[in-house]
């Protein structure tokens, strides 16, 4: 879930200007399970198998069955496809008994999405899924991920004050991302100015989270939305506007659409004393998703190497 700085994690902005993102991982999960089969490959994702097929092709794996599942609503703007890529990358690394850093998992996942599937996008979602917790991400020639400490009291306040509401609108992020990148490449003043302000706001959000100041974070998110929606006319939609208007009318400190928007989900931050009021009113307009902080990121839960060895012998 991106609090701020999204779009500045997408090349060429990363190398030309240097990006910054503040994000937080929540406990919605993508899972990948590899099992040995006598020959060939089998894919079971319940839908689009292109990511799994590309991952196995790049890894040159055969004699495996890859099962993928996800908690994410389709097009929710919560980085579900990136989480799926990280899950597959982690499963393949575990299958090979590779010791892989979380940054390497994130980079492998993004390479699959961009190089193999041709999907335009940035880095931040992949790093959030790999690392978990709250991250201060800086982008240049390389990406630096710094974990923001999350005390129990801070997690409690975030889970109390933050709301994720899913509009039900599926978004087409690739086209929107391409349009914004074209605006940046053409040096459209509105786009260049908004991206610079969003990057600066992400730096302030990192400071607010580090100080455990959730109220200030909420205000900054509201400022970020003003800049974010100015990037492209399709970033906001009538349902998003109605949802944010209702949230503000009942005391929200700030709110913004998540991901590339054009639909998907929004994050709303309310004062502690008005959180229930805001939840009650926005739930009439959108589906509220569970907001539970994940501190772990990518991890392997099951290893059954005996099965793999049996097929290899």
Protein backbone atom coordinates (compact mmCIF):
# COMPACT_ATOMS: atom_id res chain seq x y z
CA UNK A 1 0.00 0.00 0.00
CA UNK A 2 1.64 3.22 -1.16
CA UNK A 3 1.28 6.15 1.22
CA UNK A 4 3.22 8.44 -1.09
CA UNK A 5 5.80 8.85 -3.82
CA UNK A 6 4.31 6.34 -6.24
CA UNK A 7 5.15 7.14 -9.87
CA UNK A 8 8.61 8.38 -8.85
CA UNK A 9 9.68 4.72 -8.68
CA UNK A 10 9.20 4.24 -12.43
CA UNK A 11 12.10 4.63 -14.90
CA UNK A 12 13.29 6.93 -16.37
CA UNK A 13 12.28 9.17 -13.46
CA UNK A 14 14.27 7.02 -11.05
CA UNK A 15 17.60 7.58 -12.77
CA UNK A 16 17.01 11.12 -14.04
CA UNK A 17 15.53 12.71 -10.92
CA UNK A 18 15.73 10.10 -8.16
CA UNK A 19 12.53 8.79 -6.63
CA UNK A 20 11.27 8.27 -3.10
CA UNK A 21 8.37 6.16 -1.82
CA UNK A 22 6.86 5.53 1.61
CA UNK A 23 4.79 2.35 1.71
CA UNK A 24 3.41 -0.28 4.06
CA UNK A 25 2.73 -3.98 3.59
CA UNK A 26 -0.64 -5.30 4.70
CA UNK A 27 -1.64 -8.88 5.41
CA UNK A 28 -3.16 -9.78 2.07
CA UNK A 29 -1.09 -12.52 0.51
CA UNK A 30 -0.12 -14.09 -2.78
CA UNK A 31 1.08 -17.70 -2.52
CA UNK A 32 3.04 -19.96 -4.84
CA UNK A 33 3.50 -23.70 -4.34
CA UNK A 34 5.84 -25.85 -6.42
CA UNK A 35 5.44 -29.62 -6.53
CA UNK A 36 7.33 -32.22 -8.55
CA UNK A 37 5.62 -34.07 -11.41
CA UNK A 38 7.08 -36.75 -13.70
CA UNK A 39 7.62 -34.45 -16.70
CA UNK A 40 6.73 -31.10 -18.27
CA UNK A 41 5.12 -28.23 -16.38
CA UNK A 42 1.63 -27.69 -15.02
CA UNK A 43 0.16 -24.29 -14.13
CA UNK A 44 -2.76 -23.70 -11.80
CA UNK A 45 -3.58 -20.07 -11.04
CA UNK A 46 -7.33 -20.12 -11.41
CA UNK A 47 -7.00 -17.58 -14.21
CA UNK A 48 -4.11 -15.97 -16.05
CA UNK A 49 -1.11 -18.31 -16.07
CA UNK A 50 1.22 -15.93 -17.94
CA UNK A 51 3.27 -14.91 -14.90
CA UNK A 52 3.88 -18.48 -13.75
CA UNK A 53 4.71 -19.63 -17.27
CA UNK A 54 7.22 -16.79 -17.69
CA UNK A 55 8.84 -17.47 -14.32
CA UNK A 56 9.32 -21.18 -15.03
CA UNK A 57 10.61 -20.42 -18.53
CA UNK A 58 13.21 -17.94 -17.24
CA UNK A 59 14.22 -20.36 -14.46
CA UNK A 60 14.39 -23.25 -16.96
CA UNK A 61 12.40 -25.45 -14.58
CA UNK A 62 10.61 -28.57 -15.76
CA UNK A 63 8.96 -31.46 -13.99
CA UNK A 64 7.04 -29.08 -11.73
CA UNK A 65 3.46 -28.13 -10.94
CA UNK A 66 3.06 -24.44 -9.97
CA UNK A 67 -0.03 -23.45 -8.01
CA UNK A 68 -0.76 -19.76 -7.40
CA UNK A 69 -3.42 -18.22 -5.17
CA UNK A 70 -4.08 -14.65 -4.07
CA UNK A 71 -6.13 -12.76 -1.48
CA UNK A 72 -6.21 -9.63 -3.63
CA UNK A 73 -9.32 -8.42 -5.47
CA UNK A 74 -8.46 -8.06 -9.15
CA UNK A 75 -7.38 -4.53 -10.05
CA UNK A 76 -7.48 -3.33 -6.45
CA UNK A 77 -4.35 -1.18 -6.74
CA UNK A 78 -2.68 -3.04 -3.89
CA UNK A 79 0.24 -4.54 -5.77
CA UNK A 80 -1.31 -7.99 -6.09
CA UNK A 81 0.50 -8.83 -9.32
CA UNK A 82 3.83 -7.79 -7.79
CA UNK A 83 3.15 -9.90 -4.70
CA UNK A 84 2.43 -12.84 -7.00
CA UNK A 85 5.75 -12.29 -8.77
CA UNK A 86 7.63 -12.18 -5.49
CA UNK A 87 5.87 -15.34 -4.29
CA UNK A 88 6.83 -17.23 -7.45
CA UNK A 89 10.41 -15.96 -7.27
CA UNK A 90 10.65 -17.06 -3.62
CA UNK A 91 9.19 -20.49 -4.40
CA UNK A 92 11.66 -21.05 -7.23
CA UNK A 93 14.58 -19.94 -5.04
CA UNK A 94 13.46 -22.31 -2.28
CA UNK A 95 13.09 -25.15 -4.80
CA UNK A 96 16.69 -24.62 -5.84
CA UNK A 97 17.92 -24.17 -2.26
CA UNK A 98 19.14 -20.68 -3.20
CA UNK A 99 19.85 -18.10 -0.51
CA UNK A 100 18.36 -14.96 -2.06
CA UNK A 101 18.10 -11.51 -0.50
CA UNK A 102 14.74 -9.80 -0.32
CA UNK A 103 16.01 -7.10 -2.66
CA UNK A 104 16.95 -9.79 -5.18
CA UNK A 105 13.45 -11.31 -4.92
CA UNK A 106 11.94 -7.89 -5.62
CA UNK A 107 14.22 -7.32 -8.61
CA UNK A 108 13.49 -10.78 -10.04
CA UNK A 109 9.77 -10.17 -9.69
CA UNK A 110 9.89 -6.80 -11.45
CA UNK A 111 12.07 -8.19 -14.24
CA UNK A 112 9.42 -10.83 -14.90
CA UNK A 113 6.67 -8.22 -15.06
CA UNK A 114 8.54 -5.73 -17.22
CA UNK A 115 10.86 -7.82 -19.39
CA UNK A 116 8.82 -10.97 -19.87
CA UNK A 117 5.23 -9.71 -19.71
CA UNK A 118 5.79 -6.20 -21.05
CA UNK A 119 3.89 -4.50 -18.22
CA UNK A 120 4.95 -0.93 -17.47
CA UNK A 121 5.48 -0.28 -13.79
CA UNK A 122 7.77 0.68 -10.95
CA UNK A 123 9.70 -1.03 -8.21
CA UNK A 124 7.91 -0.21 -4.98
CA UNK A 125 5.21 -2.90 -4.95
CA UNK A 126 7.79 -5.65 -5.43
CA UNK A 127 9.90 -4.35 -2.54
CA UNK A 128 6.87 -4.04 -0.25
CA UNK A 129 5.91 -7.66 -0.91
CA UNK A 130 9.46 -8.90 -0.44
CA UNK A 131 10.31 -6.97 2.74
CA UNK A 132 6.99 -6.47 4.53
CA UNK A 133 6.56 -3.76 7.16
CA UNK A 134 6.96 -0.06 6.42
CA UNK A 135 9.62 0.99 3.94
CA UNK A 136 11.53 4.12 3.03
CA UNK A 137 12.50 3.48 -0.58
CA UNK A 138 14.88 5.62 -2.61
CA UNK A 139 15.45 5.11 -6.30
CA UNK A 140 18.36 6.04 -8.53
CA UNK A 141 20.69 3.81 -10.49
CA UNK A 142 19.93 1.32 -7.70
CA UNK A 143 17.15 0.92 -5.17
CA UNK A 144 17.72 1.33 -1.44
CA UNK A 145 15.15 -0.14 0.96
CA UNK A 146 15.21 0.99 4.59
CA UNK A 147 12.75 -0.50 7.06
CA UNK A 148 10.88 2.03 9.18
CA UNK A 149 10.58 0.71 12.77
CA UNK A 150 7.06 -0.38 13.68
CA UNK A 151 6.40 -0.47 17.40
CA UNK A 152 3.36 -2.34 18.66
CA UNK A 153 1.70 0.96 19.57
CA UNK A 154 2.30 2.38 16.08
CA UNK A 155 0.88 -0.74 14.43
CA UNK A 156 -2.16 -0.50 16.70
CA UNK A 157 -2.74 3.13 15.68
CA UNK A 158 -2.28 2.41 11.98
CA UNK A 159 -4.73 -0.49 12.11
CA UNK A 160 -7.20 1.70 14.01
CA UNK A 161 -6.93 4.89 11.95
CA UNK A 162 -6.33 3.56 8.42
CA UNK A 163 -9.09 2.29 6.16
CA UNK A 164 -8.75 0.62 2.77
CA UNK A 165 -11.90 0.82 0.67
CA UNK A 166 -12.20 -1.07 -2.62
CA UNK A 167 -14.39 0.70 -5.17
CA UNK A 168 -15.03 -2.43 -7.21
CA UNK A 169 -13.78 -0.67 -10.34
CA UNK A 170 -11.09 -2.64 -12.11
CA UNK A 171 -8.26 -0.39 -13.20
CA UNK A 172 -5.99 -0.55 -16.24
CA UNK A 173 -2.77 0.71 -14.73
CA UNK A 174 -0.46 0.05 -17.71
CA UNK A 175 -2.16 2.58 -19.99
CA UNK A 176 -2.30 5.22 -17.26
CA UNK A 177 1.35 4.70 -16.33
CA UNK A 178 2.38 5.02 -19.97
CA UNK A 179 0.41 8.26 -20.34
CA UNK A 180 2.01 9.78 -17.22
CA UNK A 181 5.49 8.69 -18.33
CA UNK A 182 4.88 10.29 -21.73
CA UNK A 183 3.94 13.50 -19.93
CA UNK A 184 7.16 13.36 -17.93
CA UNK A 185 9.31 12.61 -21.01
CA UNK A 186 7.68 15.53 -22.83
CA UNK A 187 8.39 17.69 -19.75
CA UNK A 188 4.77 18.74 -19.34
CA UNK A 189 5.09 21.32 -16.52
CA UNK A 190 2.04 20.03 -14.61
CA UNK A 191 3.40 16.46 -14.56
CA UNK A 192 6.99 17.42 -13.71
CA UNK A 193 5.84 19.66 -10.85
CA UNK A 194 3.43 17.07 -9.42
CA UNK A 195 6.04 14.30 -9.43
CA UNK A 196 8.57 16.50 -7.63
CA UNK A 197 6.00 17.44 -4.96
CA UNK A 198 4.93 13.80 -4.52
CA UNK A 199 8.54 12.76 -3.99
CA UNK A 200 8.98 15.53 -1.38
CA UNK A 201 5.77 14.48 0.38
CA UNK A 202 7.02 10.88 0.55
CA UNK A 203 10.12 12.14 2.41
CA UNK A 204 7.85 13.92 4.89
CA UNK A 205 5.70 10.79 5.29
CA UNK A 206 8.78 8.73 6.13
CA UNK A 207 9.61 11.27 8.83
CA UNK A 208 6.03 11.21 10.18
CA UNK A 209 6.00 7.40 10.38
CA UNK A 210 9.42 7.39 12.03
CA UNK A 211 8.04 9.80 14.66
CA UNK A 212 4.90 7.62 14.95
CA UNK A 213 2.73 10.59 13.99
CA UNK A 214 -0.21 9.00 12.18
CA UNK A 215 -2.28 12.20 12.17
CA UNK A 216 0.39 14.10 10.25
CA UNK A 217 0.71 11.15 7.89
CA UNK A 218 -3.01 11.47 7.17
CA UNK A 219 -2.73 15.17 6.35
CA UNK A 220 0.23 14.51 4.03
CA UNK A 221 -1.74 11.83 2.21
CA UNK A 222 -4.44 14.38 1.50
CA UNK A 223 -1.84 16.78 0.07
CA UNK A 224 -0.39 13.97 -2.01
CA UNK A 225 -3.78 13.24 -3.60
CA UNK A 226 -4.02 16.80 -4.91
CA UNK A 227 -0.75 16.31 -6.79
CA UNK A 228 -1.44 12.71 -7.77
CA UNK A 229 -4.77 13.40 -9.43
CA UNK A 230 -3.24 16.23 -11.47
CA UNK A 231 -0.97 13.75 -13.28
CA UNK A 232 -3.74 12.46 -15.57
CA UNK A 233 -7.46 12.95 -15.94
CA UNK A 234 -8.19 9.22 -15.56
CA UNK A 235 -6.48 8.82 -12.19
CA UNK A 236 -9.67 9.75 -10.38
CA UNK A 237 -13.19 8.50 -11.11
CA UNK A 238 -16.67 9.52 -9.91
CA UNK A 239 -16.83 6.63 -7.39
CA UNK A 240 -13.42 7.59 -5.98
CA UNK A 241 -14.47 11.24 -5.70
CA UNK A 242 -17.73 10.28 -3.95
CA UNK A 243 -15.86 8.01 -1.53
CA UNK A 244 -13.27 10.63 -0.61
CA UNK A 245 -15.92 13.33 -0.27
CA UNK A 246 -17.82 11.15 2.20
CA UNK A 247 -14.66 10.41 4.16
CA UNK A 248 -13.75 14.09 4.46
CA UNK A 249 -17.32 15.06 5.37
CA UNK A 250 -17.09 12.79 8.41
CA UNK A 251 -13.71 13.89 9.66
CA UNK A 252 -11.01 12.05 7.68
CA UNK A 253 -7.60 13.69 7.90
CA UNK A 254 -6.63 12.67 4.38
CA UNK A 255 -7.29 10.12 1.66
CA UNK A 256 -5.94 9.08 -1.71
CA UNK A 257 -6.32 6.45 -4.38
CA UNK A 258 -3.81 3.59 -4.30
CA UNK A 259 -1.61 2.34 -7.10
CA UNK A 260 -1.99 3.85 -10.55
CA UNK A 261 -5.68 4.40 -9.79
CA UNK A 262 -8.38 4.87 -12.41
CA UNK A 263 -10.33 2.62 -10.04
CA UNK A 264 -9.16 0.12 -7.47
CA UNK A 265 -8.87 1.11 -3.82
CA UNK A 266 -8.36 4.17 -1.67
CA UNK A 267 -6.65 4.61 1.69
CA UNK A 268 -8.28 6.88 4.27
CA UNK A 269 -6.72 8.04 7.54
CA UNK A 270 -9.01 9.35 10.26
CA UNK A 271 -8.45 10.70 13.77
CA UNK A 272 -8.80 7.97 16.37
CA UNK A 273 -11.99 9.46 17.75
CA UNK A 274 -13.74 9.56 14.35
CA UNK A 275 -12.47 6.33 12.80
CA UNK A 276 -15.70 4.40 13.46
CA UNK A 277 -17.81 7.22 12.03
CA UNK A 278 -15.77 7.34 8.84
CA UNK A 279 -15.86 3.55 8.47
CA UNK A 280 -19.63 3.49 8.83
CA UNK A 281 -20.19 6.05 6.10
CA UNK A 282 -17.64 4.89 3.52
CA UNK A 283 -18.75 1.25 3.91
CA UNK A 284 -22.01 2.26 2.24
CA UNK A 285 -20.06 3.25 -0.88
CA UNK A 286 -17.28 0.66 -1.10
CA UNK A 287 -16.08 -2.67 0.23
CA UNK A 288 -13.79 -2.27 3.23
CA UNK A 289 -10.77 -4.55 3.07
CA UNK A 290 -8.97 -5.89 6.16
CA UNK A 291 -6.21 -3.56 7.33
CA UNK A 292 -3.66 -5.62 9.22
CA UNK A 293 0.03 -4.74 9.04
CA UNK A 294 2.39 -7.44 7.77
CA UNK A 295 5.87 -7.25 9.28
CA UNK A 296 7.45 -10.31 7.65
CA UNK A 297 7.24 -10.02 3.87
CA UNK A 298 8.12 -12.95 1.62
CA UNK A 299 8.78 -16.22 3.41
CA UNK A 300 8.74 -19.95 2.77
CA UNK A 301 6.30 -21.93 4.90
CA UNK A 302 6.63 -25.50 3.55
CA UNK A 303 9.55 -27.48 2.19
CA UNK A 304 9.12 -30.98 0.84
CA UNK A 305 12.41 -31.61 -0.88
CA UNK A 306 11.94 -35.40 -0.65
CA UNK A 307 9.23 -35.15 -3.30
CA UNK A 308 11.54 -33.30 -5.68
CA UNK A 309 14.42 -35.72 -5.06
CA UNK A 310 12.16 -38.65 -5.86
CA UNK A 311 11.42 -37.31 -9.33
CA UNK A 312 15.09 -36.52 -9.99
CA UNK A 313 16.35 -40.01 -9.07
